[in-house]
Amino acid sequence: MSEDRKLLEPTATIVSIALRLLLALTAVGLVFRIVRGGWTDTIVCITDNSTTGSTDAGAFFPEKGALVDAIPRYCAEAPSTYLRLLDELSALPSTLLLLSGLFLLHRLLRDAAREGVHTARTASRLRVLGWWLLAGSLVAEFVEANAGAALLAELSTTADLTAGAWLTMWSAPYLALLTGLGLLTFARITRAGADMHEDLAGVV
C-alpha cells in the first residue's frame, strides 16, 4: 500500500491539515460568539444587486470617463431573531458543505492510502463525494438564495419574496457541479480498474 500512499500525496496531507484548521477556526468562532453574547451584536445587512443607479461621484475618485454606480445595501437597526436566522441561512449552508466535503475527501484519501486506490470501496467513496457535491451545492445555493431574498423582502419596501427575487440571489455553483460530475466519472473509472485488478489477481 506504500505505493498507493505515495500516489495520494501531497493532497492527503494538505486536505488533512485544511480540515483540522477549518474545524479549529469554526470552534474558535463559535466560542467567541457565545462569549460576546451570541447573536446580540450581529449586524444584519443585505445588498440588492438587482437595483443599481448612478450616484454623485463627488465622494469617489473614478478615472476620467468612468462612472460610479450605486447599489443599495440594507441593514437592520435592531434585527429580530427571524432576521438573524435569515442572515445565518444566507451563508451557513456553503460553510457546512465545505466542511462536510473536506471530511468526506479526507476519509476517502485516508482509506485509499490504507486499503489501496484500485478498490471497490474507493470507487464507492468517490461516488458518494461526487453526489454530495452535486446535490449539496444545489441545496446550499437554493437555501441561501431563498434566505437572501426573504431578508431583502423584510428590509426593503420595494422588494417581495417572489421567484424573480430569488433568481437575482441565485448563483449557479458551476465549479462544484463540474467537480461532482468529474468525481462520478472517476468513480466509474476506479471501479473498472478495481474489477481488472481483481481479475488479474485471480489469474495470478
Protein backbone atom coordinates (compact mmCIF):
# COMPACT_ATOMS: atom_id res chain seq x y z
CA MET A 1 0.00 0.00 0.00
CA SER A 2 3.03 2.29 0.25
CA GLU A 3 2.89 2.99 -3.49
CA ASP A 4 -0.79 3.95 -3.23
CA ARG A 5 0.01 6.21 -0.30
CA LYS A 6 2.67 7.97 -2.37
CA LEU A 7 0.19 8.49 -5.19
CA LEU A 8 -2.14 10.38 -2.83
CA GLU A 9 0.50 12.82 -1.56
CA PRO A 10 0.70 15.75 -1.03
CA THR A 11 -3.08 16.05 -1.44
CA ALA A 12 -3.85 13.77 1.53
CA THR A 13 -1.67 15.79 3.89
CA ILE A 14 -2.97 19.16 2.66
CA VAL A 15 -6.61 18.07 2.99
CA SER A 16 -5.99 16.72 6.48
CA ILE A 17 -4.36 19.96 7.62
CA ALA A 18 -7.03 22.12 5.97
CA LEU A 19 -9.85 20.12 7.61
CA ARG A 20 -8.31 20.39 11.07
CA LEU A 21 -7.58 24.08 10.61
CA LEU A 22 -11.11 24.89 9.45
CA LEU A 23 -12.66 22.88 12.29
CA ALA A 24 -10.45 24.71 14.80
CA LEU A 25 -11.32 28.12 13.35
CA THR A 26 -15.03 27.22 13.37
CA ALA A 27 -14.85 26.14 17.01
CA VAL A 28 -12.99 29.31 17.99
CA GLY A 29 -15.53 31.42 16.11
CA LEU A 30 -18.44 29.73 17.88
CA VAL A 31 -16.84 30.18 21.30
CA PHE A 32 -16.09 33.82 20.52
CA ARG A 33 -19.68 34.48 19.52
CA ILE A 34 -21.01 32.76 22.63
CA VAL A 35 -18.68 34.79 24.86
CA ARG A 36 -19.77 38.02 23.15
CA GLY A 37 -23.41 37.15 23.63
CA GLY A 38 -24.32 35.07 20.61
CA TRP A 39 -26.37 36.97 18.04
CA THR A 40 -26.90 40.13 20.05
CA ASP A 41 -24.04 42.02 18.41
CA THR A 42 -24.57 40.66 14.90
CA ILE A 43 -25.25 43.23 12.19
CA VAL A 44 -27.76 42.04 9.60
CA CYS A 45 -27.30 43.51 6.13
CA ILE A 46 -28.24 42.54 2.60
CA THR A 47 -27.18 44.00 -0.76
CA ASP A 48 -29.78 44.39 -3.50
CA ASN A 49 -27.73 43.61 -6.59
CA SER A 50 -30.81 43.82 -8.80
CA THR A 51 -31.14 47.57 -8.21
CA THR A 52 -28.44 49.88 -9.48
CA GLY A 53 -28.23 53.53 -10.43
CA SER A 54 -25.77 56.35 -10.91
CA THR A 55 -24.57 58.35 -7.96
CA ASP A 56 -22.74 61.58 -7.33
CA ALA A 57 -19.05 60.89 -7.87
CA GLY A 58 -18.02 63.69 -5.52
CA ALA A 59 -17.27 61.27 -2.70
CA PHE A 60 -15.48 58.85 -5.03
CA PHE A 61 -12.50 59.10 -7.33
CA PRO A 62 -13.20 57.44 -10.70
CA GLU A 63 -10.85 57.78 -13.63
CA LYS A 64 -11.82 60.16 -16.40
CA GLY A 65 -14.62 58.65 -18.45
CA ALA A 66 -15.60 56.19 -15.68
CA LEU A 67 -18.97 56.24 -13.94
CA VAL A 68 -19.87 55.29 -10.37
CA ASP A 69 -22.89 53.08 -9.75
CA ALA A 70 -24.87 52.94 -6.51
CA ILE A 71 -26.00 49.54 -5.25
CA PRO A 72 -28.29 49.73 -2.18
CA ARG A 73 -27.31 47.82 0.95
CA TYR A 74 -29.98 47.47 3.61
CA CYS A 75 -29.09 46.97 7.27
CA ALA A 76 -31.46 46.34 10.17
CA GLU A 77 -31.14 48.75 13.09
CA ALA A 78 -32.38 46.23 15.64
CA PRO A 79 -32.66 42.86 13.87
CA SER A 80 -35.13 40.35 15.24
CA THR A 81 -34.37 36.67 15.76
CA TYR A 82 -36.07 35.92 12.44
CA LEU A 83 -33.83 38.37 10.58
CA ARG A 84 -30.75 36.98 12.26
CA LEU A 85 -31.79 33.45 11.27
CA LEU A 86 -32.25 34.53 7.64
CA ASP A 87 -28.84 36.19 7.75
CA GLU A 88 -27.23 32.98 9.03
CA LEU A 89 -29.00 30.86 6.41
CA SER A 90 -27.70 33.13 3.65
CA ALA A 91 -24.14 31.91 4.29
CA LEU A 92 -24.16 28.89 6.63
CA PRO A 93 -25.06 26.15 4.08
CA SER A 94 -21.93 26.85 1.99
CA THR A 95 -19.75 26.61 5.09
CA LEU A 96 -21.34 23.31 6.10
CA LEU A 97 -20.91 22.00 2.55
CA LEU A 98 -17.23 22.93 2.60
CA LEU A 99 -16.59 21.24 5.96
CA SER A 100 -18.55 18.10 5.11
CA GLY A 101 -16.94 17.88 1.66
CA LEU A 102 -13.47 18.15 3.18
CA PHE A 103 -14.38 15.47 5.72
CA LEU A 104 -15.54 13.07 3.00
CA LEU A 105 -12.44 13.81 0.92
CA HIS A 106 -10.20 13.27 3.96
CA ARG A 107 -11.86 9.92 4.69
CA LEU A 108 -11.58 8.92 1.04
CA LEU A 109 -7.85 9.67 0.87
CA ARG A 110 -7.12 8.11 4.27
CA ASP A 111 -8.89 4.85 3.46
CA ALA A 112 -7.48 4.73 -0.07
CA ALA A 113 -3.97 5.01 1.37
CA ARG A 114 -4.76 2.21 3.82
CA GLU A 115 -6.73 -0.17 1.59
CA GLY A 116 -5.49 0.74 -1.87
CA VAL A 117 -6.54 3.06 -4.67
CA HIS A 118 -7.89 0.41 -7.04
CA THR A 119 -10.64 -0.98 -4.83
CA ALA A 120 -14.42 -1.06 -4.98
CA ARG A 121 -14.63 0.82 -1.66
CA THR A 122 -12.53 3.67 -3.04
CA ALA A 123 -14.80 3.86 -6.07
CA SER A 124 -17.85 3.88 -3.77
CA ARG A 125 -16.43 6.73 -1.68
CA LEU A 126 -15.62 8.69 -4.82
CA ARG A 127 -19.22 8.25 -5.92
CA VAL A 128 -20.53 9.41 -2.54
CA LEU A 129 -18.34 12.51 -2.62
CA GLY A 130 -19.41 13.29 -6.19
CA TRP A 131 -23.12 13.06 -5.41
CA TRP A 132 -22.60 15.03 -2.19
CA LEU A 133 -21.04 17.91 -4.12
CA LEU A 134 -23.68 17.78 -6.84
CA ALA A 135 -26.71 17.67 -4.56
CA GLY A 136 -25.18 19.63 -1.68
CA SER A 137 -24.10 22.60 -3.79
CA LEU A 138 -27.56 22.91 -5.33
CA VAL A 139 -29.32 22.61 -1.96
CA ALA A 140 -26.92 25.08 -0.32
CA GLU A 141 -27.40 27.64 -3.09
CA PHE A 142 -31.18 27.13 -3.01
CA VAL A 143 -31.34 27.76 0.75
CA GLU A 144 -29.00 30.75 0.62
CA ALA A 145 -30.84 32.38 -2.29
CA ASN A 146 -34.20 31.95 -0.56
CA ALA A 147 -32.84 33.29 2.72
CA GLY A 148 -31.30 36.30 0.96
CA ALA A 149 -34.50 37.06 -0.95
CA ALA A 150 -36.57 36.74 2.22
CA LEU A 151 -34.18 39.02 4.12
CA LEU A 152 -34.30 41.64 1.37
CA ALA A 153 -38.10 41.48 1.34
CA GLU A 154 -38.11 42.18 5.08
CA LEU A 155 -35.78 45.18 4.84
CA SER A 156 -36.94 46.83 1.60
CA THR A 157 -40.41 48.15 0.87
CA THR A 158 -39.89 47.67 -2.88
CA ALA A 159 -38.80 44.02 -2.70
CA ASP A 160 -41.08 40.99 -2.43
CA LEU A 161 -40.32 37.31 -1.91
CA THR A 162 -41.00 36.14 -5.45
CA ALA A 163 -39.40 33.80 -7.97
CA GLY A 164 -37.80 36.81 -9.64
CA ALA A 165 -36.28 37.99 -6.38
CA TRP A 166 -34.97 34.50 -5.73
CA LEU A 167 -33.36 34.35 -9.18
CA THR A 168 -31.50 37.61 -8.55
CA MET A 169 -29.95 35.99 -5.46
CA TRP A 170 -29.24 32.68 -7.20
CA SER A 171 -25.71 32.00 -8.36
CA ALA A 172 -25.19 28.65 -10.07
CA PRO A 173 -22.35 26.67 -8.37
CA TYR A 174 -20.70 25.71 -11.67
CA LEU A 175 -17.36 24.66 -10.16
CA ALA A 176 -18.94 22.38 -7.56
CA LEU A 177 -21.26 20.83 -10.16
CA LEU A 178 -18.41 20.17 -12.61
CA THR A 179 -16.25 18.77 -9.81
CA GLY A 180 -19.07 16.47 -8.71
CA LEU A 181 -19.57 15.22 -12.27
CA GLY A 182 -15.84 14.66 -12.60
CA LEU A 183 -15.76 12.63 -9.39
CA LEU A 184 -18.62 10.44 -10.62
CA THR A 185 -16.66 9.79 -13.82
CA PHE A 186 -13.51 8.92 -11.87
CA ALA A 187 -15.60 6.66 -9.64
CA ARG A 188 -16.62 4.61 -12.69
CA ILE A 189 -13.01 4.53 -13.91
CA THR A 190 -11.79 3.45 -10.47
CA ARG A 191 -14.47 0.75 -10.29
CA ALA A 192 -13.42 -0.59 -13.69
CA GLY A 193 -9.79 -0.55 -12.55
CA ALA A 194 -10.71 -2.39 -9.36
CA ASP A 195 -12.51 -5.10 -11.35
CA MET A 196 -9.49 -5.51 -13.65
CA HIS A 197 -7.20 -5.62 -10.61
CA GLU A 198 -9.30 -8.41 -9.07
CA ASP A 199 -9.35 -10.35 -12.33
CA LEU A 200 -5.57 -10.11 -12.66
CA ALA A 201 -5.11 -11.15 -9.04
CA GLY A 202 -7.33 -14.18 -9.68
CA VAL A 203 -5.31 -15.18 -12.76
CA VAL A 204 -2.00 -14.86 -10.92
